[in-house]
């Protein structure tokens, strides 16, 4: 019986363009092949290493967005503009982060979550399902012990 090994097909490579953020050396990424809406050769955002962006799925780091430390982007998650995923934060599923949104700490964000503007999700927060948080709008508000989101995404109560 012959042993068949599955070879993981790389979807991006690191360019020589670098920048330092929080003492970490980040590399600009470039698509190594076509996938999802990304064309081969298209420049992306910034990552510290292969652990920050999965080679599986259609996930991508766009523009000047970045993932570093043990932060990870996987599944079909997309981060745009100047969004950041760092420390041990994990985003997956169909998550979209844009503008200056931040996922940090031990945050685990999955499903169809949309984070935009100056939203910061950190600590041991788990967000999952159809949730939209946009700091510029009235789509969310804080109460003493929970964050509640409303509008087209239904009503969710998230314990702190």
N, C-alpha and C. Protein backbone atom coordinates (compact mmCIF):
# COMPACT_ATOMS: atom_id res chain seq x y z
N UNK A 1 0.84 -1.17 0.00
CA UNK A 1 0.00 0.00 0.00
C UNK A 1 0.90 1.24 0.00
N UNK A 2 0.71 2.07 -0.96
CA UNK A 2 1.51 3.28 -1.07
C UNK A 2 0.97 4.35 -0.13
N UNK A 3 1.88 5.07 0.47
CA UNK A 3 1.48 6.15 1.36
C UNK A 3 1.33 7.42 0.55
N UNK A 4 0.16 8.04 0.64
CA UNK A 4 -0.10 9.28 -0.10
C UNK A 4 -0.08 10.42 0.89
N UNK A 5 0.76 11.40 0.62
CA UNK A 5 0.84 12.58 1.49
C UNK A 5 0.16 13.75 0.81
N UNK A 6 -0.65 14.42 1.55
CA UNK A 6 -1.29 15.62 1.03
C UNK A 6 -0.31 16.79 1.20
N UNK A 7 0.01 17.43 0.12
CA UNK A 7 0.92 18.57 0.17
C UNK A 7 0.07 19.84 0.24
N UNK A 8 0.30 20.61 1.27
CA UNK A 8 -0.44 21.85 1.44
C UNK A 8 0.00 22.85 0.38
N UNK A 9 -0.96 23.37 -0.35
CA UNK A 9 -0.66 24.32 -1.40
C UNK A 9 -0.59 25.73 -0.82
N UNK A 10 0.58 26.31 -0.89
CA UNK A 10 0.77 27.67 -0.38
C UNK A 10 -0.07 28.65 -1.18
N UNK A 11 -0.67 29.60 -0.48
CA UNK A 11 -1.46 30.60 -1.21
C UNK A 11 -0.83 31.98 -1.16
N UNK A 12 0.17 32.17 -0.30
CA UNK A 12 0.86 33.46 -0.25
C UNK A 12 2.32 33.26 0.09
N UNK A 13 3.07 34.33 -0.14
CA UNK A 13 4.49 34.34 0.20
C UNK A 13 4.79 35.68 0.87
N UNK A 14 5.92 35.74 1.53
CA UNK A 14 6.35 36.98 2.16
C UNK A 14 7.26 37.75 1.21
N UNK A 15 7.03 39.06 1.11
CA UNK A 15 7.91 39.89 0.29
C UNK A 15 9.08 40.36 1.16
N UNK A 16 9.98 41.11 0.58
CA UNK A 16 11.11 41.66 1.34
C UNK A 16 10.73 42.96 2.04
N UNK A 17 9.53 43.47 1.75
CA UNK A 17 9.07 44.70 2.40
C UNK A 17 8.70 44.39 3.86
N UNK A 18 9.28 45.13 4.78
CA UNK A 18 9.04 44.88 6.20
C UNK A 18 8.69 46.16 6.93
N UNK A 19 8.13 45.99 8.13
CA UNK A 19 7.95 47.11 9.04
C UNK A 19 7.88 46.57 10.46
N UNK A 20 8.26 47.41 11.41
CA UNK A 20 8.22 47.02 12.82
C UNK A 20 6.96 47.57 13.47
N UNK A 21 6.27 46.69 14.21
CA UNK A 21 5.07 47.07 14.95
C UNK A 21 5.15 46.42 16.32
N UNK A 22 5.06 47.21 17.36
CA UNK A 22 5.12 46.69 18.73
C UNK A 22 6.34 45.78 18.94
N UNK A 23 7.46 46.15 18.34
CA UNK A 23 8.69 45.38 18.49
C UNK A 23 8.76 44.13 17.63
N UNK A 24 7.75 43.88 16.81
CA UNK A 24 7.70 42.69 15.94
C UNK A 24 8.02 43.09 14.51
N UNK A 25 8.75 42.23 13.80
CA UNK A 25 9.07 42.47 12.40
C UNK A 25 7.99 41.81 11.55
N UNK A 26 7.24 42.62 10.82
CA UNK A 26 6.16 42.11 9.96
C UNK A 26 6.58 42.19 8.51
N UNK A 27 6.05 41.26 7.71
CA UNK A 27 6.36 41.18 6.29
C UNK A 27 5.08 41.39 5.47
N UNK A 28 5.22 42.14 4.38
CA UNK A 28 4.10 42.30 3.44
C UNK A 28 3.88 40.94 2.78
N UNK A 29 2.61 40.56 2.56
CA UNK A 29 2.32 39.30 1.89
C UNK A 29 1.91 39.54 0.45
N UNK A 30 2.11 38.51 -0.38
CA UNK A 30 1.71 38.55 -1.79
C UNK A 30 1.09 37.21 -2.14
N UNK A 31 -0.03 37.26 -2.86
CA UNK A 31 -0.72 36.03 -3.26
C UNK A 31 0.16 35.21 -4.19
N UNK A 32 0.32 33.94 -3.86
CA UNK A 32 1.14 33.02 -4.64
C UNK A 32 0.33 32.34 -5.74
N UNK A 33 -1.00 32.36 -5.55
CA UNK A 33 -1.92 31.76 -6.53
C UNK A 33 -3.27 32.45 -6.42
N UNK A 34 -4.13 32.22 -7.39
CA UNK A 34 -5.49 32.74 -7.35
C UNK A 34 -6.31 31.95 -6.33
N UNK A 35 -7.15 32.63 -5.57
CA UNK A 35 -8.11 31.98 -4.66
C UNK A 35 -9.14 33.04 -4.28
N UNK A 36 -10.39 32.61 -4.08
CA UNK A 36 -11.45 33.55 -3.71
C UNK A 36 -11.46 34.73 -4.66
N UNK A 37 -11.44 35.95 -4.12
CA UNK A 37 -11.41 37.19 -4.91
C UNK A 37 -9.99 37.72 -5.08
N UNK A 38 -9.00 36.94 -4.69
CA UNK A 38 -7.60 37.37 -4.72
C UNK A 38 -6.91 36.80 -5.96
N UNK A 39 -6.19 37.66 -6.66
CA UNK A 39 -5.44 37.25 -7.86
C UNK A 39 -3.99 36.99 -7.52
N UNK A 40 -3.40 36.04 -8.21
CA UNK A 40 -1.98 35.74 -8.05
C UNK A 40 -1.18 37.03 -8.22
N UNK A 41 -0.23 37.28 -7.33
CA UNK A 41 0.62 38.46 -7.39
C UNK A 41 0.07 39.67 -6.63
N UNK A 42 -1.18 39.61 -6.21
CA UNK A 42 -1.79 40.73 -5.49
C UNK A 42 -1.12 40.90 -4.13
N UNK A 43 -0.75 42.14 -3.81
CA UNK A 43 -0.17 42.43 -2.52
C UNK A 43 -1.25 42.48 -1.45
N UNK A 44 -0.90 42.01 -0.27
CA UNK A 44 -1.83 42.04 0.85
C UNK A 44 -1.27 42.90 1.96
N UNK A 45 -1.72 42.62 3.17
CA UNK A 45 -1.28 43.36 4.34
C UNK A 45 -0.02 42.77 4.93
N UNK A 46 0.02 42.66 6.26
CA UNK A 46 1.24 42.35 6.99
C UNK A 46 1.05 41.18 7.94
N UNK A 47 2.04 40.32 8.02
CA UNK A 47 2.03 39.19 8.95
C UNK A 47 3.45 38.96 9.47
N UNK A 48 3.52 38.45 10.67
CA UNK A 48 4.82 38.14 11.26
C UNK A 48 5.33 36.78 10.77
N UNK A 49 4.43 35.81 10.60
CA UNK A 49 4.82 34.48 10.15
C UNK A 49 3.64 33.71 9.61
N UNK A 50 3.90 32.50 9.13
CA UNK A 50 2.85 31.65 8.54
C UNK A 50 1.74 31.31 9.52
N UNK A 51 2.00 31.36 10.81
CA UNK A 51 0.99 31.05 11.81
C UNK A 51 -0.09 32.13 11.89
N UNK A 52 0.17 33.32 11.32
CA UNK A 52 -0.78 34.42 11.41
C UNK A 52 -1.87 34.39 10.34
N UNK A 53 -1.65 33.67 9.25
CA UNK A 53 -2.63 33.60 8.16
C UNK A 53 -2.61 32.19 7.59
N UNK A 54 -3.74 31.53 7.63
CA UNK A 54 -3.84 30.16 7.14
C UNK A 54 -3.67 30.10 5.62
N UNK A 55 -3.11 29.00 5.15
CA UNK A 55 -3.01 28.75 3.71
C UNK A 55 -4.26 28.05 3.20
N UNK A 56 -5.17 27.68 4.10
CA UNK A 56 -6.44 27.04 3.73
C UNK A 56 -7.53 28.09 3.66
N UNK A 57 -8.61 27.77 2.96
CA UNK A 57 -9.74 28.69 2.87
C UNK A 57 -9.41 29.93 2.05
N UNK A 58 -10.30 30.91 2.09
CA UNK A 58 -10.13 32.15 1.32
C UNK A 58 -9.76 33.33 2.21
N UNK A 59 -9.30 33.07 3.44
CA UNK A 59 -8.94 34.17 4.34
C UNK A 59 -7.81 35.00 3.73
N UNK A 60 -7.82 36.31 4.09
CA UNK A 60 -6.79 37.21 3.54
C UNK A 60 -6.64 38.44 4.42
N UNK A 61 -5.44 38.97 4.40
CA UNK A 61 -5.12 40.23 5.07
C UNK A 61 -4.92 41.26 3.96
N UNK A 62 -5.76 42.28 3.92
CA UNK A 62 -5.75 43.29 2.85
C UNK A 62 -5.06 44.58 3.31
N UNK A 63 -4.77 45.44 2.35
CA UNK A 63 -4.35 46.82 2.59
C UNK A 63 -3.19 46.90 3.59
N UNK A 64 -3.36 47.69 4.66
CA UNK A 64 -2.33 47.81 5.70
C UNK A 64 -2.76 47.08 6.98
N UNK A 65 -3.71 46.18 6.87
CA UNK A 65 -4.13 45.38 8.02
C UNK A 65 -2.99 44.44 8.41
N UNK A 66 -3.03 43.95 9.66
CA UNK A 66 -1.93 43.11 10.11
C UNK A 66 -2.36 42.07 11.13
N UNK A 67 -1.62 40.97 11.14
CA UNK A 67 -1.79 39.91 12.13
C UNK A 67 -0.40 39.54 12.61
N UNK A 68 -0.22 39.54 13.94
CA UNK A 68 1.09 39.22 14.50
C UNK A 68 0.96 38.62 15.89
N UNK A 69 2.08 38.42 16.57
CA UNK A 69 2.14 37.65 17.81
C UNK A 69 1.57 36.26 17.48
N UNK A 70 0.65 35.77 18.30
CA UNK A 70 0.01 34.48 18.02
C UNK A 70 -1.38 34.68 17.42
N UNK A 71 -1.67 35.89 16.98
CA UNK A 71 -2.96 36.18 16.34
C UNK A 71 -3.09 35.36 15.07
N UNK A 72 -4.31 34.91 14.75
CA UNK A 72 -4.47 34.11 13.54
C UNK A 72 -5.75 34.45 12.79
N UNK A 73 -5.65 34.38 11.48
CA UNK A 73 -6.76 34.62 10.56
C UNK A 73 -6.92 33.34 9.76
N UNK A 74 -8.13 32.75 9.78
CA UNK A 74 -8.35 31.49 9.07
C UNK A 74 -9.76 31.42 8.50
N UNK A 75 -10.08 30.28 7.88
CA UNK A 75 -11.40 30.11 7.24
C UNK A 75 -11.53 31.04 6.06
N UNK A 76 -12.60 31.83 6.04
CA UNK A 76 -12.82 32.82 4.98
C UNK A 76 -12.75 34.24 5.54
N UNK A 77 -12.16 34.41 6.71
CA UNK A 77 -12.07 35.72 7.37
C UNK A 77 -11.26 36.70 6.53
N UNK A 78 -11.66 37.96 6.57
CA UNK A 78 -10.99 39.03 5.82
C UNK A 78 -10.72 40.19 6.75
N UNK A 79 -9.51 40.71 6.74
CA UNK A 79 -9.24 41.94 7.48
C UNK A 79 -8.73 43.00 6.51
N UNK A 80 -9.27 44.20 6.63
CA UNK A 80 -9.04 45.29 5.69
C UNK A 80 -8.49 46.54 6.38
N UNK A 81 -8.10 47.49 5.56
CA UNK A 81 -7.69 48.82 6.00
C UNK A 81 -6.54 48.73 7.01
N UNK A 82 -6.75 49.22 8.23
CA UNK A 82 -5.72 49.21 9.27
C UNK A 82 -6.12 48.31 10.45
N UNK A 83 -6.97 47.34 10.20
CA UNK A 83 -7.41 46.42 11.26
C UNK A 83 -6.23 45.58 11.73
N UNK A 84 -6.31 45.14 13.00
CA UNK A 84 -5.22 44.35 13.59
C UNK A 84 -5.77 43.14 14.33
N UNK A 85 -5.06 42.02 14.19
CA UNK A 85 -5.32 40.80 14.96
C UNK A 85 -3.99 40.45 15.61
N UNK A 86 -3.96 40.46 16.96
CA UNK A 86 -2.68 40.18 17.61
C UNK A 86 -2.86 39.57 18.98
N UNK A 87 -1.78 39.38 19.67
CA UNK A 87 -1.64 38.62 20.91
C UNK A 87 -2.10 37.19 20.61
N UNK A 88 -3.18 36.70 21.17
CA UNK A 88 -3.63 35.33 20.89
C UNK A 88 -5.01 35.31 20.26
N UNK A 89 -5.44 36.43 19.71
CA UNK A 89 -6.78 36.53 19.10
C UNK A 89 -6.87 35.63 17.88
N UNK A 90 -8.04 35.05 17.69
CA UNK A 90 -8.28 34.18 16.54
C UNK A 90 -9.56 34.62 15.84
N UNK A 91 -9.47 34.85 14.54
CA UNK A 91 -10.67 35.13 13.77
C UNK A 91 -10.80 34.07 12.69
N UNK A 92 -12.02 33.63 12.46
CA UNK A 92 -12.25 32.56 11.50
C UNK A 92 -13.67 32.68 10.94
N UNK A 93 -14.08 31.68 10.18
CA UNK A 93 -15.41 31.73 9.58
C UNK A 93 -15.46 32.80 8.52
N UNK A 94 -16.52 33.61 8.53
CA UNK A 94 -16.69 34.69 7.54
C UNK A 94 -16.52 36.06 8.18
N UNK A 95 -15.71 36.15 9.20
CA UNK A 95 -15.49 37.41 9.91
C UNK A 95 -14.90 38.45 8.96
N UNK A 96 -15.38 39.70 9.10
CA UNK A 96 -14.81 40.83 8.37
C UNK A 96 -14.46 41.91 9.37
N UNK A 97 -13.21 42.36 9.32
CA UNK A 97 -12.76 43.46 10.17
C UNK A 97 -12.27 44.57 9.24
N UNK A 98 -12.61 45.83 9.57
CA UNK A 98 -12.16 46.92 8.71
C UNK A 98 -11.87 48.17 9.52
N UNK A 99 -11.43 49.18 8.82
CA UNK A 99 -11.05 50.47 9.40
C UNK A 99 -9.95 50.23 10.43
N UNK A 100 -10.14 50.64 11.67
CA UNK A 100 -9.11 50.46 12.70
C UNK A 100 -9.57 49.46 13.76
N UNK A 101 -10.41 48.50 13.39
CA UNK A 101 -10.89 47.48 14.32
C UNK A 101 -9.71 46.65 14.84
N UNK A 102 -9.81 46.24 16.10
CA UNK A 102 -8.74 45.45 16.73
C UNK A 102 -9.33 44.22 17.40
N UNK A 103 -8.71 43.07 17.17
CA UNK A 103 -8.99 41.85 17.91
C UNK A 103 -7.70 41.50 18.63
N UNK A 104 -7.76 41.39 19.96
CA UNK A 104 -6.54 41.13 20.73
C UNK A 104 -6.87 40.27 21.94
N UNK A 105 -5.91 40.09 22.81
CA UNK A 105 -6.11 39.24 23.98
C UNK A 105 -6.36 37.81 23.54
N UNK A 106 -7.28 37.14 24.21
CA UNK A 106 -7.64 35.77 23.85
C UNK A 106 -8.96 35.73 23.09
N UNK A 107 -9.32 36.81 22.44
CA UNK A 107 -10.60 36.89 21.73
C UNK A 107 -10.69 35.79 20.68
N UNK A 108 -11.86 35.20 20.58
CA UNK A 108 -12.14 34.16 19.59
C UNK A 108 -13.39 34.61 18.84
N UNK A 109 -13.22 34.99 17.58
CA UNK A 109 -14.31 35.58 16.80
C UNK A 109 -14.55 34.71 15.58
N UNK A 110 -15.80 34.25 15.41
CA UNK A 110 -16.11 33.36 14.29
C UNK A 110 -17.53 33.61 13.81
N UNK A 111 -17.92 32.91 12.76
CA UNK A 111 -19.26 33.07 12.22
C UNK A 111 -19.30 34.21 11.23
N UNK A 112 -20.41 34.95 11.22
CA UNK A 112 -20.61 36.07 10.29
C UNK A 112 -20.49 37.40 11.01
N UNK A 113 -19.46 37.56 11.82
CA UNK A 113 -19.24 38.77 12.61
C UNK A 113 -18.60 39.84 11.73
N UNK A 114 -19.09 41.09 11.86
CA UNK A 114 -18.52 42.24 11.17
C UNK A 114 -18.10 43.26 12.22
N UNK A 115 -16.83 43.62 12.23
CA UNK A 115 -16.29 44.62 13.15
C UNK A 115 -15.73 45.77 12.33
N UNK A 116 -16.14 47.00 12.63
CA UNK A 116 -15.61 48.11 11.86
C UNK A 116 -15.38 49.34 12.72
N UNK A 117 -14.64 50.25 12.17
CA UNK A 117 -14.25 51.50 12.81
C UNK A 117 -13.36 51.25 14.02
N UNK A 118 -13.53 52.00 15.07
CA UNK A 118 -12.60 51.95 16.19
C UNK A 118 -13.02 50.93 17.24
N UNK A 119 -13.54 49.79 16.82
CA UNK A 119 -13.99 48.74 17.73
C UNK A 119 -12.78 47.95 18.20
N UNK A 120 -12.74 47.67 19.51
CA UNK A 120 -11.65 46.85 20.07
C UNK A 120 -12.28 45.70 20.85
N UNK A 121 -11.98 44.48 20.42
CA UNK A 121 -12.48 43.28 21.09
C UNK A 121 -11.27 42.58 21.70
N UNK A 122 -11.29 42.40 23.01
CA UNK A 122 -10.13 41.79 23.66
C UNK A 122 -10.53 40.94 24.85
N UNK A 123 -9.56 40.57 25.63
CA UNK A 123 -9.82 39.73 26.79
C UNK A 123 -10.17 38.32 26.37
N UNK A 124 -11.06 37.69 27.11
CA UNK A 124 -11.48 36.31 26.82
C UNK A 124 -12.83 36.27 26.11
N UNK A 125 -13.12 37.28 25.32
CA UNK A 125 -14.40 37.40 24.63
C UNK A 125 -14.53 36.36 23.53
N UNK A 126 -15.73 35.79 23.41
CA UNK A 126 -16.05 34.89 22.31
C UNK A 126 -17.24 35.50 21.58
N UNK A 127 -17.08 35.81 20.29
CA UNK A 127 -18.17 36.32 19.46
C UNK A 127 -18.41 35.30 18.36
N UNK A 128 -19.66 34.93 18.15
CA UNK A 128 -19.99 33.97 17.12
C UNK A 128 -21.40 34.23 16.64
N UNK A 129 -21.69 33.88 15.41
CA UNK A 129 -23.03 34.07 14.87
C UNK A 129 -23.09 35.29 13.97
N UNK A 130 -24.27 35.88 13.82
CA UNK A 130 -24.50 37.05 12.97
C UNK A 130 -24.49 38.32 13.81
N UNK A 131 -23.32 38.88 13.99
CA UNK A 131 -23.16 40.06 14.85
C UNK A 131 -22.44 41.14 14.08
N UNK A 132 -22.93 42.40 14.21
CA UNK A 132 -22.25 43.54 13.60
C UNK A 132 -21.99 44.57 14.68
N UNK A 133 -20.75 45.00 14.80
CA UNK A 133 -20.40 46.04 15.77
C UNK A 133 -19.66 47.14 15.01
N UNK A 134 -20.24 48.34 15.03
CA UNK A 134 -19.69 49.49 14.32
C UNK A 134 -19.70 50.65 15.31
N UNK A 135 -18.56 51.10 15.75
CA UNK A 135 -18.49 52.10 16.82
C UNK A 135 -19.08 53.45 16.41
N UNK A 136 -19.18 53.76 15.11
CA UNK A 136 -19.72 55.05 14.69
C UNK A 136 -21.23 55.11 14.80
N UNK A 137 -21.89 53.98 14.80
CA UNK A 137 -23.34 53.98 14.71
C UNK A 137 -24.00 53.67 16.04
N UNK A 138 -25.30 53.62 16.03
CA UNK A 138 -26.08 53.26 17.21
C UNK A 138 -26.44 51.78 17.18
N UNK A 139 -25.66 50.97 16.48
CA UNK A 139 -25.95 49.55 16.35
C UNK A 139 -25.50 48.78 17.57
N UNK A 140 -24.87 49.42 18.51
CA UNK A 140 -24.48 48.75 19.74
C UNK A 140 -24.55 49.74 20.89
N UNK A 141 -24.67 49.27 22.07
CA UNK A 141 -24.56 50.12 23.24
C UNK A 141 -24.09 49.27 24.41
N UNK A 142 -23.46 49.91 25.38
CA UNK A 142 -22.91 49.21 26.54
C UNK A 142 -23.84 49.39 27.73
N UNK A 143 -23.96 48.35 28.47
CA UNK A 143 -24.59 48.42 29.78
C UNK A 143 -23.54 47.91 30.75
N UNK A 144 -23.87 47.89 32.00
CA UNK A 144 -22.87 47.56 33.01
C UNK A 144 -22.20 46.21 32.80
N UNK A 145 -22.95 45.15 32.53
CA UNK A 145 -22.36 43.82 32.48
C UNK A 145 -22.41 43.14 31.12
N UNK A 146 -22.90 43.82 30.12
CA UNK A 146 -22.92 43.16 28.82
C UNK A 146 -22.98 44.16 27.68
N UNK A 147 -22.63 43.67 26.53
CA UNK A 147 -22.72 44.44 25.30
C UNK A 147 -23.86 43.85 24.51
N UNK A 148 -24.76 44.68 24.04
CA UNK A 148 -25.91 44.20 23.30
C UNK A 148 -25.85 44.79 21.90
N UNK A 149 -26.07 43.98 20.89
CA UNK A 149 -26.08 44.46 19.52
C UNK A 149 -27.47 44.26 18.95
N UNK A 150 -27.87 45.16 18.07
CA UNK A 150 -29.20 45.09 17.48
C UNK A 150 -29.13 45.39 15.99
N UNK A 151 -30.20 45.40 15.37
CA UNK A 151 -30.51 45.75 14.01
C UNK A 151 -30.76 44.50 13.22
N UNK A 152 -30.31 44.41 11.98
CA UNK A 152 -30.61 43.27 11.12
C UNK A 152 -30.05 41.96 11.64
N UNK A 153 -29.17 42.05 12.57
CA UNK A 153 -28.48 40.86 13.06
C UNK A 153 -29.16 40.26 14.28
N UNK A 154 -30.38 40.70 14.58
CA UNK A 154 -31.09 40.14 15.71
C UNK A 154 -30.61 40.78 17.01
N UNK A 155 -30.89 40.12 18.09
CA UNK A 155 -30.50 40.66 19.39
C UNK A 155 -29.66 39.62 20.11
N UNK A 156 -28.49 39.98 20.53
CA UNK A 156 -27.58 39.08 21.21
C UNK A 156 -27.14 39.72 22.52
N UNK A 157 -27.06 38.92 23.55
CA UNK A 157 -26.52 39.41 24.82
C UNK A 157 -25.20 38.68 25.05
N UNK A 158 -24.15 39.44 25.19
CA UNK A 158 -22.80 38.88 25.33
C UNK A 158 -22.28 39.19 26.71
N UNK A 159 -22.04 38.19 27.50
CA UNK A 159 -21.51 38.38 28.84
C UNK A 159 -20.06 38.85 28.77
N UNK A 160 -19.67 39.74 29.64
CA UNK A 160 -18.27 40.17 29.71
C UNK A 160 -17.48 39.23 30.53
